[in-house]
Amino acid sequence: SFGAADHNGLAFHYDLAGNDTYEGGFYTSQSNAYHGGH
């Protein structure tokens, strides 16, 4: 979650203001095995 992209995905998570709290969800190990690429 929170801007996660995989298998040739393009994702944006954009929060413009405030004191925000995040729990879990971040993904940093993309795989593009379906199609190759990025």
All heavy atoms as atom14 arrays in JSON, in Angstrom:
{
  "sequence": "SFGAADHNGLAFHYDLAGNDTYEGGFYTSQSNAYHGGH",
  "atom14_mask": [
    [1, 1, 1, 1, 1, 1, 0, 0, 0, 0, 0, 0, 0, 0],
    [1, 1, 1, 1, 1, 1, 1, 1, 1, 1, 1, 0, 0, 0],
    [1, 1, 1, 1, 0, 0, 0, 0, 0, 0, 0, 0, 0, 0],
    [1, 1, 1, 1, 1, 0, 0, 0, 0, 0, 0, 0, 0, 0],
    [1, 1, 1, 1, 1, 0, 0, 0, 0, 0, 0, 0, 0, 0],
    [1, 1, 1, 1, 1, 1, 1, 1, 0, 0, 0, 0, 0, 0],
    [1, 1, 1, 1, 1, 1, 1, 1, 1, 1, 0, 0, 0, 0],
    [1, 1, 1, 1, 1, 1, 1, 1, 0, 0, 0, 0, 0, 0],
    [1, 1, 1, 1, 0, 0, 0, 0, 0, 0, 0, 0, 0, 0],
    [1, 1, 1, 1, 1, 1, 1, 1, 0, 0, 0, 0, 0, 0],
    [1, 1, 1, 1, 1, 0, 0, 0, 0, 0, 0, 0, 0, 0],
    [1, 1, 1, 1, 1, 1, 1, 1, 1, 1, 1, 0, 0, 0],
    [1, 1, 1, 1, 1, 1, 1, 1, 1, 1, 0, 0, 0, 0],
    [1, 1, 1, 1, 1, 1, 1, 1, 1, 1, 1, 1, 0, 0],
    [1, 1, 1, 1, 1, 1, 1, 1, 0, 0, 0, 0, 0, 0],
    [1, 1, 1, 1, 1, 1, 1, 1, 0, 0, 0, 0, 0, 0],
    [1, 1, 1, 1, 1, 0, 0, 0, 0, 0, 0, 0, 0, 0],
    [1, 1, 1, 1, 0, 0, 0, 0, 0, 0, 0, 0, 0, 0],
    [1, 1, 1, 1, 1, 1, 1, 1, 0, 0, 0, 0, 0, 0],
    [1, 1, 1, 1, 1, 1, 1, 1, 0, 0, 0, 0, 0, 0],
    [1, 1, 1, 1, 1, 1, 1, 0, 0, 0, 0, 0, 0, 0],
    [1, 1, 1, 1, 1, 1, 1, 1, 1, 1, 1, 1, 0, 0],
    [1, 1, 1, 1, 1, 1, 1, 1, 1, 0, 0, 0, 0, 0],
    [1, 1, 1, 1, 0, 0, 0, 0, 0, 0, 0, 0, 0, 0],
    [1, 1, 1, 1, 0, 0, 0, 0, 0, 0, 0, 0, 0, 0],
    [1, 1, 1, 1, 1, 1, 1, 1, 1, 1, 1, 0, 0, 0],
    [1, 1, 1, 1, 1, 1, 1, 1, 1, 1, 1, 1, 0, 0],
    [1, 1, 1, 1, 1, 1, 1, 0, 0, 0, 0, 0, 0, 0],
    [1, 1, 1, 1, 1, 1, 0, 0, 0, 0, 0, 0, 0, 0],
    [1, 1, 1, 1, 1, 1, 1, 1, 1, 0, 0, 0, 0, 0],
    [1, 1, 1, 1, 1, 1, 0, 0, 0, 0, 0, 0, 0, 0],
    [1, 1, 1, 1, 1, 1, 1, 1, 0, 0, 0, 0, 0, 0],
    [1, 1, 1, 1, 1, 0, 0, 0, 0, 0, 0, 0, 0, 0],
    [1, 1, 1, 1, 1, 1, 1, 1, 1, 1, 1, 1, 0, 0],
    [1, 1, 1, 1, 1, 1, 1, 1, 1, 1, 0, 0, 0, 0],
    [1, 1, 1, 1, 0, 0, 0, 0, 0, 0, 0, 0, 0, 0],
    [1, 1, 1, 1, 0, 0, 0, 0, 0, 0, 0, 0, 0, 0],
    [1, 1, 1, 1, 1, 1, 1, 1, 1, 1, 0, 0, 0, 0]
  ],
  "atom14_positions": [
    [[0.84, -1.19, 0.0], [0.0, 0.0, 0.0], [0.88, 1.25, 0.0], [2.11, 1.15, 0.07], [-0.93, 0.01, 1.23], [-1.86, -1.05, 1.19], [0.0, 0.0, 0.0], [0.0, 0.0, 0.0], [0.0, 0.0, 0.0], [0.0, 0.0, 0.0], [0.0, 0.0, 0.0], [0.0, 0.0, 0.0], [0.0, 0.0, 0.0], [0.0, 0.0, 0.0]],
    [[0.24, 2.42, -0.08], [0.93, 3.71, 0.06], [1.99, 3.93, -1.03], [3.17, 4.11, -0.75], [1.58, 3.86, 1.44], [0.72, 3.46, 2.59], [1.27, 2.82, 3.69], [-0.64, 3.71, 2.6], [0.49, 2.44, 4.77], [-1.44, 3.34, 3.68], [-0.86, 2.7, 4.77], [0.0, 0.0, 0.0], [0.0, 0.0, 0.0], [0.0, 0.0, 0.0]],
    [[1.56, 3.9, -2.29], [2.49, 4.09, -3.38], [3.2, 2.82, -3.81], [4.32, 2.87, -4.31], [0.0, 0.0, 0.0], [0.0, 0.0, 0.0], [0.0, 0.0, 0.0], [0.0, 0.0, 0.0], [0.0, 0.0, 0.0], [0.0, 0.0, 0.0], [0.0, 0.0, 0.0], [0.0, 0.0, 0.0], [0.0, 0.0, 0.0], [0.0, 0.0, 0.0]],
    [[2.54, 1.68, -3.66], [3.13, 0.39, -4.04], [2.83, 0.09, -5.5], [1.71, 0.26, -5.97], [2.57, -0.72, -3.15], [0.0, 0.0, 0.0], [0.0, 0.0, 0.0], [0.0, 0.0, 0.0], [0.0, 0.0, 0.0], [0.0, 0.0, 0.0], [0.0, 0.0, 0.0], [0.0, 0.0, 0.0], [0.0, 0.0, 0.0], [0.0, 0.0, 0.0]],
    [[3.86, -0.37, -6.23], [3.69, -0.72, -7.64], [4.45, -2.0, -7.93], [5.58, -2.18, -7.47], [4.19, 0.41, -8.53], [0.0, 0.0, 0.0], [0.0, 0.0, 0.0], [0.0, 0.0, 0.0], [0.0, 0.0, 0.0], [0.0, 0.0, 0.0], [0.0, 0.0, 0.0], [0.0, 0.0, 0.0], [0.0, 0.0, 0.0], [0.0, 0.0, 0.0]],
    [[3.84, -2.87, -8.74], [4.49, -4.13, -9.08], [4.05, -4.59, -10.47], [2.98, -4.2, -10.95], [4.14, -5.2, -8.05], [5.32, -6.11, -7.72], [6.23, -6.21, -8.57], [5.32, -6.71, -6.64], [0.0, 0.0, 0.0], [0.0, 0.0, 0.0], [0.0, 0.0, 0.0], [0.0, 0.0, 0.0], [0.0, 0.0, 0.0], [0.0, 0.0, 0.0]],
    [[4.89, -5.41, -11.1], [4.6, -5.97, -12.41], [4.23, -4.88, -13.42], [3.15, -4.88, -14.0], [3.52, -7.05, -12.32], [3.9, -8.18, -11.41], [4.94, -9.05, -11.67], [3.41, -8.55, -10.19], [5.06, -9.91, -10.69], [4.15, -9.63, -9.77], [0.0, 0.0, 0.0], [0.0, 0.0, 0.0], [0.0, 0.0, 0.0], [0.0, 0.0, 0.0]],
    [[5.15, -3.93, -13.58], [4.99, -2.83, -14.52], [3.84, -1.9, -14.12], [3.06, -1.45, -14.96], [4.79, -3.32, -15.95], [5.92, -4.22, -16.41], [5.86, -5.43, -16.21], [6.95, -3.64, -16.99], [0.0, 0.0, 0.0], [0.0, 0.0, 0.0], [0.0, 0.0, 0.0], [0.0, 0.0, 0.0], [0.0, 0.0, 0.0], [0.0, 0.0, 0.0]],
    [[3.74, -1.6, -12.83], [2.75, -0.66, -12.34], [3.34, 0.72, -12.11], [4.56, 0.89, -11.99], [0.0, 0.0, 0.0], [0.0, 0.0, 0.0], [0.0, 0.0, 0.0], [0.0, 0.0, 0.0], [0.0, 0.0, 0.0], [0.0, 0.0, 0.0], [0.0, 0.0, 0.0], [0.0, 0.0, 0.0], [0.0, 0.0, 0.0], [0.0, 0.0, 0.0]],
    [[2.46, 1.72, -12.05], [2.82, 3.1, -11.72], [1.86, 3.59, -10.65], [0.66, 3.66, -10.89], [2.73, 3.99, -12.95], [2.96, 5.49, -12.74], [4.35, 5.77, -12.2], [2.7, 6.26, -14.03], [0.0, 0.0, 0.0], [0.0, 0.0, 0.0], [0.0, 0.0, 0.0], [0.0, 0.0, 0.0], [0.0, 0.0, 0.0], [0.0, 0.0, 0.0]],
    [[2.38, 3.89, -9.46], [1.53, 4.25, -8.33], [2.02, 5.51, -7.64], [3.22, 5.7, -7.46], [1.47, 3.11, -7.33], [0.0, 0.0, 0.0], [0.0, 0.0, 0.0], [0.0, 0.0, 0.0], [0.0, 0.0, 0.0], [0.0, 0.0, 0.0], [0.0, 0.0, 0.0], [0.0, 0.0, 0.0], [0.0, 0.0, 0.0], [0.0, 0.0, 0.0]],
    [[1.06, 6.37, -7.25], [1.34, 7.58, -6.49], [0.52, 7.58, -5.21], [-0.68, 7.31, -5.23], [0.96, 8.84, -7.29], [1.78, 9.09, -8.5], [1.44, 8.52, -9.72], [2.89, 9.93, -8.44], [2.19, 8.77, -10.85], [3.64, 10.18, -9.57], [3.29, 9.6, -10.78], [0.0, 0.0, 0.0], [0.0, 0.0, 0.0], [0.0, 0.0, 0.0]],
    [[1.16, 7.94, -4.11], [0.47, 8.28, -2.86], [0.93, 9.68, -2.5], [2.12, 9.92, -2.32], [0.82, 7.3, -1.74], [0.19, 7.67, -0.43], [-0.93, 7.04, 0.06], [0.51, 8.61, 0.49], [-1.27, 7.57, 1.23], [-0.4, 8.53, 1.51], [0.0, 0.0, 0.0], [0.0, 0.0, 0.0], [0.0, 0.0, 0.0], [0.0, 0.0, 0.0]],
    [[-0.03, 10.6, -2.35], [0.3, 12.01, -2.2], [-0.55, 12.59, -1.06], [-1.77, 12.68, -1.17], [-0.01, 12.72, -3.52], [0.61, 14.07, -3.73], [1.65, 14.56, -2.96], [0.13, 14.88, -4.77], [2.2, 15.8, -3.19], [0.69, 16.12, -5.02], [1.73, 16.58, -4.24], [2.27, 17.82, -4.48], [0.0, 0.0, 0.0], [0.0, 0.0, 0.0]],
    [[0.08, 12.98, 0.05], [-0.59, 13.66, 1.16], [0.03, 15.04, 1.29], [1.23, 15.17, 1.51], [-0.44, 12.86, 2.46], [-1.3, 13.43, 3.57], [-1.05, 14.59, 3.99], [-2.21, 12.73, 4.04], [0.0, 0.0, 0.0], [0.0, 0.0, 0.0], [0.0, 0.0, 0.0], [0.0, 0.0, 0.0], [0.0, 0.0, 0.0], [0.0, 0.0, 0.0]],
    [[-0.79, 16.09, 1.18], [-0.26, 17.44, 1.02], [-0.1, 18.23, 2.3], [0.54, 19.28, 2.29], [-1.15, 18.24, 0.05], [-0.89, 18.02, -1.44], [-1.26, 16.62, -1.87], [-1.66, 19.04, -2.27], [0.0, 0.0, 0.0], [0.0, 0.0, 0.0], [0.0, 0.0, 0.0], [0.0, 0.0, 0.0], [0.0, 0.0, 0.0], [0.0, 0.0, 0.0]],
    [[-0.67, 17.77, 3.42], [-0.59, 18.58, 4.65], [-1.0, 17.75, 5.85], [-1.62, 16.7, 5.73], [-1.49, 19.82, 4.52], [0.0, 0.0, 0.0], [0.0, 0.0, 0.0], [0.0, 0.0, 0.0], [0.0, 0.0, 0.0], [0.0, 0.0, 0.0], [0.0, 0.0, 0.0], [0.0, 0.0, 0.0], [0.0, 0.0, 0.0], [0.0, 0.0, 0.0]],
    [[-0.66, 18.28, 7.04], [-1.14, 17.67, 8.28], [-0.12, 16.8, 8.97], [0.92, 16.44, 8.42], [0.0, 0.0, 0.0], [0.0, 0.0, 0.0], [0.0, 0.0, 0.0], [0.0, 0.0, 0.0], [0.0, 0.0, 0.0], [0.0, 0.0, 0.0], [0.0, 0.0, 0.0], [0.0, 0.0, 0.0], [0.0, 0.0, 0.0], [0.0, 0.0, 0.0]],
    [[-0.44, 16.47, 10.23], [0.36, 15.53, 11.02], [-0.26, 14.15, 10.83], [-1.31, 13.84, 11.39], [0.35, 15.93, 12.49], [0.9, 17.32, 12.72], [1.91, 17.69, 12.14], [0.23, 18.11, 13.56], [0.0, 0.0, 0.0], [0.0, 0.0, 0.0], [0.0, 0.0, 0.0], [0.0, 0.0, 0.0], [0.0, 0.0, 0.0], [0.0, 0.0, 0.0]],
    [[0.39, 13.33, 10.04], [-0.19, 12.06, 9.61], [0.5, 10.87, 10.26], [1.7, 10.91, 10.55], [-0.1, 11.95, 8.09], [-0.71, 13.15, 7.39], [-1.85, 13.52, 7.74], [-0.04, 13.73, 6.51], [0.0, 0.0, 0.0], [0.0, 0.0, 0.0], [0.0, 0.0, 0.0], [0.0, 0.0, 0.0], [0.0, 0.0, 0.0], [0.0, 0.0, 0.0]],
    [[-0.25, 9.79, 10.44], [0.27, 8.57, 11.05], [0.05, 7.4, 10.1], [-1.06, 7.19, 9.61], [-0.42, 8.28, 12.39], [-0.2, 9.37, 13.29], [0.13, 7.01, 13.02], [0.0, 0.0, 0.0], [0.0, 0.0, 0.0], [0.0, 0.0, 0.0], [0.0, 0.0, 0.0], [0.0, 0.0, 0.0], [0.0, 0.0, 0.0], [0.0, 0.0, 0.0]],
    [[1.11, 6.63, 9.87], [1.06, 5.46, 8.99], [1.42, 4.21, 9.79], [2.39, 4.21, 10.54], [2.05, 5.61, 7.83], [1.67, 6.68, 6.84], [1.98, 8.02, 7.09], [1.01, 6.37, 5.65], [1.65, 9.01, 6.18], [0.67, 7.36, 4.74], [1.0, 8.68, 5.01], [0.67, 9.66, 4.11], [0.0, 0.0, 0.0], [0.0, 0.0, 0.0]],
    [[0.64, 3.15, 9.57], [0.92, 1.87, 10.21], [0.92, 0.78, 9.14], [-0.08, 0.59, 8.46], [-0.12, 1.56, 11.29], [-0.13, 2.54, 12.45], [-1.18, 2.21, 13.48], [-1.88, 1.19, 13.31], [-1.32, 2.98, 14.45], [0.0, 0.0, 0.0], [0.0, 0.0, 0.0], [0.0, 0.0, 0.0], [0.0, 0.0, 0.0], [0.0, 0.0, 0.0]],
    [[2.05, 0.08, 9.0], [2.16, -1.01, 8.04], [2.09, -0.52, 6.61], [2.15, 0.67, 6.32], [0.0, 0.0, 0.0], [0.0, 0.0, 0.0], [0.0, 0.0, 0.0], [0.0, 0.0, 0.0], [0.0, 0.0, 0.0], [0.0, 0.0, 0.0], [0.0, 0.0, 0.0], [0.0, 0.0, 0.0], [0.0, 0.0, 0.0], [0.0, 0.0, 0.0]],
    [[2.02, -1.46, 5.68], [1.64, -1.14, 4.31], [2.72, -0.83, 3.31], [2.5, -0.95, 2.12], [0.0, 0.0, 0.0], [0.0, 0.0, 0.0], [0.0, 0.0, 0.0], [0.0, 0.0, 0.0], [0.0, 0.0, 0.0], [0.0, 0.0, 0.0], [0.0, 0.0, 0.0], [0.0, 0.0, 0.0], [0.0, 0.0, 0.0], [0.0, 0.0, 0.0]],
    [[3.92, -0.39, 3.74], [4.93, 0.03, 2.77], [5.58, -1.17, 2.09], [5.89, -2.18, 2.73], [5.99, 0.9, 3.44], [5.5, 2.28, 3.76], [4.97, 2.57, 5.01], [5.57, 3.29, 2.81], [4.51, 3.85, 5.3], [5.12, 4.56, 3.1], [4.59, 4.84, 4.35], [0.0, 0.0, 0.0], [0.0, 0.0, 0.0], [0.0, 0.0, 0.0]],
    [[5.82, -1.03, 0.78], [6.33, -2.12, -0.05], [7.51, -1.6, -0.85], [7.38, -0.63, -1.6], [5.22, -2.58, -0.98], [5.61, -3.68, -1.94], [5.69, -5.0, -1.52], [5.86, -3.4, -3.28], [6.01, -6.02, -2.4], [6.18, -4.4, -4.17], [6.26, -5.7, -3.73], [6.59, -6.71, -4.6], [0.0, 0.0, 0.0], [0.0, 0.0, 0.0]],
    [[8.67, -2.22, -0.69], [9.88, -1.68, -1.31], [10.62, -2.7, -2.19], [11.72, -2.41, -2.65], [10.86, -1.2, -0.22], [11.22, -2.29, 0.62], [10.23, -0.1, 0.62], [0.0, 0.0, 0.0], [0.0, 0.0, 0.0], [0.0, 0.0, 0.0], [0.0, 0.0, 0.0], [0.0, 0.0, 0.0], [0.0, 0.0, 0.0], [0.0, 0.0, 0.0]],
    [[10.05, -3.86, -2.47], [10.76, -4.9, -3.21], [9.97, -5.31, -4.45], [9.34, -6.37, -4.5], [11.0, -6.12, -2.32], [11.75, -5.77, -1.19], [0.0, 0.0, 0.0], [0.0, 0.0, 0.0], [0.0, 0.0, 0.0], [0.0, 0.0, 0.0], [0.0, 0.0, 0.0], [0.0, 0.0, 0.0], [0.0, 0.0, 0.0], [0.0, 0.0, 0.0]],
    [[9.98, -4.45, -5.45], [9.2, -4.71, -6.65], [9.71, -5.93, -7.42], [10.89, -6.22, -7.45], [9.23, -3.49, -7.59], [8.32, -2.37, -7.18], [8.94, -1.47, -6.14], [10.0, -1.75, -5.62], [8.27, -0.38, -5.84], [0.0, 0.0, 0.0], [0.0, 0.0, 0.0], [0.0, 0.0, 0.0], [0.0, 0.0, 0.0], [0.0, 0.0, 0.0]],
    [[8.76, -6.62, -8.03], [9.07, -7.69, -8.98], [8.33, -7.38, -10.27], [7.16, -6.98, -10.24], [8.6, -9.04, -8.45], [8.6, -10.01, -9.48], [0.0, 0.0, 0.0], [0.0, 0.0, 0.0], [0.0, 0.0, 0.0], [0.0, 0.0, 0.0], [0.0, 0.0, 0.0], [0.0, 0.0, 0.0], [0.0, 0.0, 0.0], [0.0, 0.0, 0.0]],
    [[9.0, -7.52, -11.4], [8.35, -7.3, -12.69], [8.35, -8.59, -13.51], [8.5, -8.58, -14.73], [9.06, -6.16, -13.43], [8.96, -4.86, -12.65], [7.87, -4.32, -12.48], [10.07, -4.36, -12.16], [0.0, 0.0, 0.0], [0.0, 0.0, 0.0], [0.0, 0.0, 0.0], [0.0, 0.0, 0.0], [0.0, 0.0, 0.0], [0.0, 0.0, 0.0]],
    [[8.18, -9.71, -12.82], [8.3, -11.02, -13.44], [7.22, -11.27, -14.5], [7.43, -12.07, -15.42], [8.23, -12.11, -12.38], [0.0, 0.0, 0.0], [0.0, 0.0, 0.0], [0.0, 0.0, 0.0], [0.0, 0.0, 0.0], [0.0, 0.0, 0.0], [0.0, 0.0, 0.0], [0.0, 0.0, 0.0], [0.0, 0.0, 0.0], [0.0, 0.0, 0.0]],
    [[6.07, -10.62, -14.38], [5.01, -10.86, -15.35], [5.45, -10.47, -16.76], [5.17, -11.16, -17.72], [3.77, -10.05, -15.01], [2.94, -10.54, -13.85], [3.35, -11.6, -13.04], [1.74, -9.93, -13.54], [2.58, -12.03, -11.98], [0.96, -10.35, -12.47], [1.39, -11.4, -11.7], [0.62, -11.81, -10.64], [0.0, 0.0, 0.0], [0.0, 0.0, 0.0]],
    [[6.1, -9.3, -16.88], [6.37, -8.74, -18.2], [7.82, -8.29, -18.41], [8.18, -7.89, -19.5], [5.47, -7.52, -18.46], [4.04, -7.75, -18.12], [3.19, -8.48, -18.92], [3.3, -7.37, -17.06], [1.99, -8.54, -18.36], [2.02, -7.87, -17.23], [0.0, 0.0, 0.0], [0.0, 0.0, 0.0], [0.0, 0.0, 0.0], [0.0, 0.0, 0.0]],
    [[8.63, -8.33, -17.37], [9.93, -7.68, -17.44], [9.74, -6.17, -17.33], [8.65, -5.68, -17.09], [0.0, 0.0, 0.0], [0.0, 0.0, 0.0], [0.0, 0.0, 0.0], [0.0, 0.0, 0.0], [0.0, 0.0, 0.0], [0.0, 0.0, 0.0], [0.0, 0.0, 0.0], [0.0, 0.0, 0.0], [0.0, 0.0, 0.0], [0.0, 0.0, 0.0]],
    [[10.81, -5.43, -17.5], [10.68, -3.98, -17.44], [10.8, -3.44, -16.03], [11.54, -3.98, -15.21], [0.0, 0.0, 0.0], [0.0, 0.0, 0.0], [0.0, 0.0, 0.0], [0.0, 0.0, 0.0], [0.0, 0.0, 0.0], [0.0, 0.0, 0.0], [0.0, 0.0, 0.0], [0.0, 0.0, 0.0], [0.0, 0.0, 0.0], [0.0, 0.0, 0.0]],
    [[10.04, -2.38, -15.73], [10.16, -1.7, -14.45], [8.8, -1.24, -13.94], [7.85, -1.09, -14.7], [11.08, -0.48, -14.59], [12.47, -0.81, -15.02], [13.42, -1.28, -14.14], [13.06, -0.76, -16.23], [14.55, -1.5, -14.79], [14.36, -1.2, -16.07], [0.0, 0.0, 0.0], [0.0, 0.0, 0.0], [0.0, 0.0, 0.0], [0.0, 0.0, 0.0]]
  ]
}
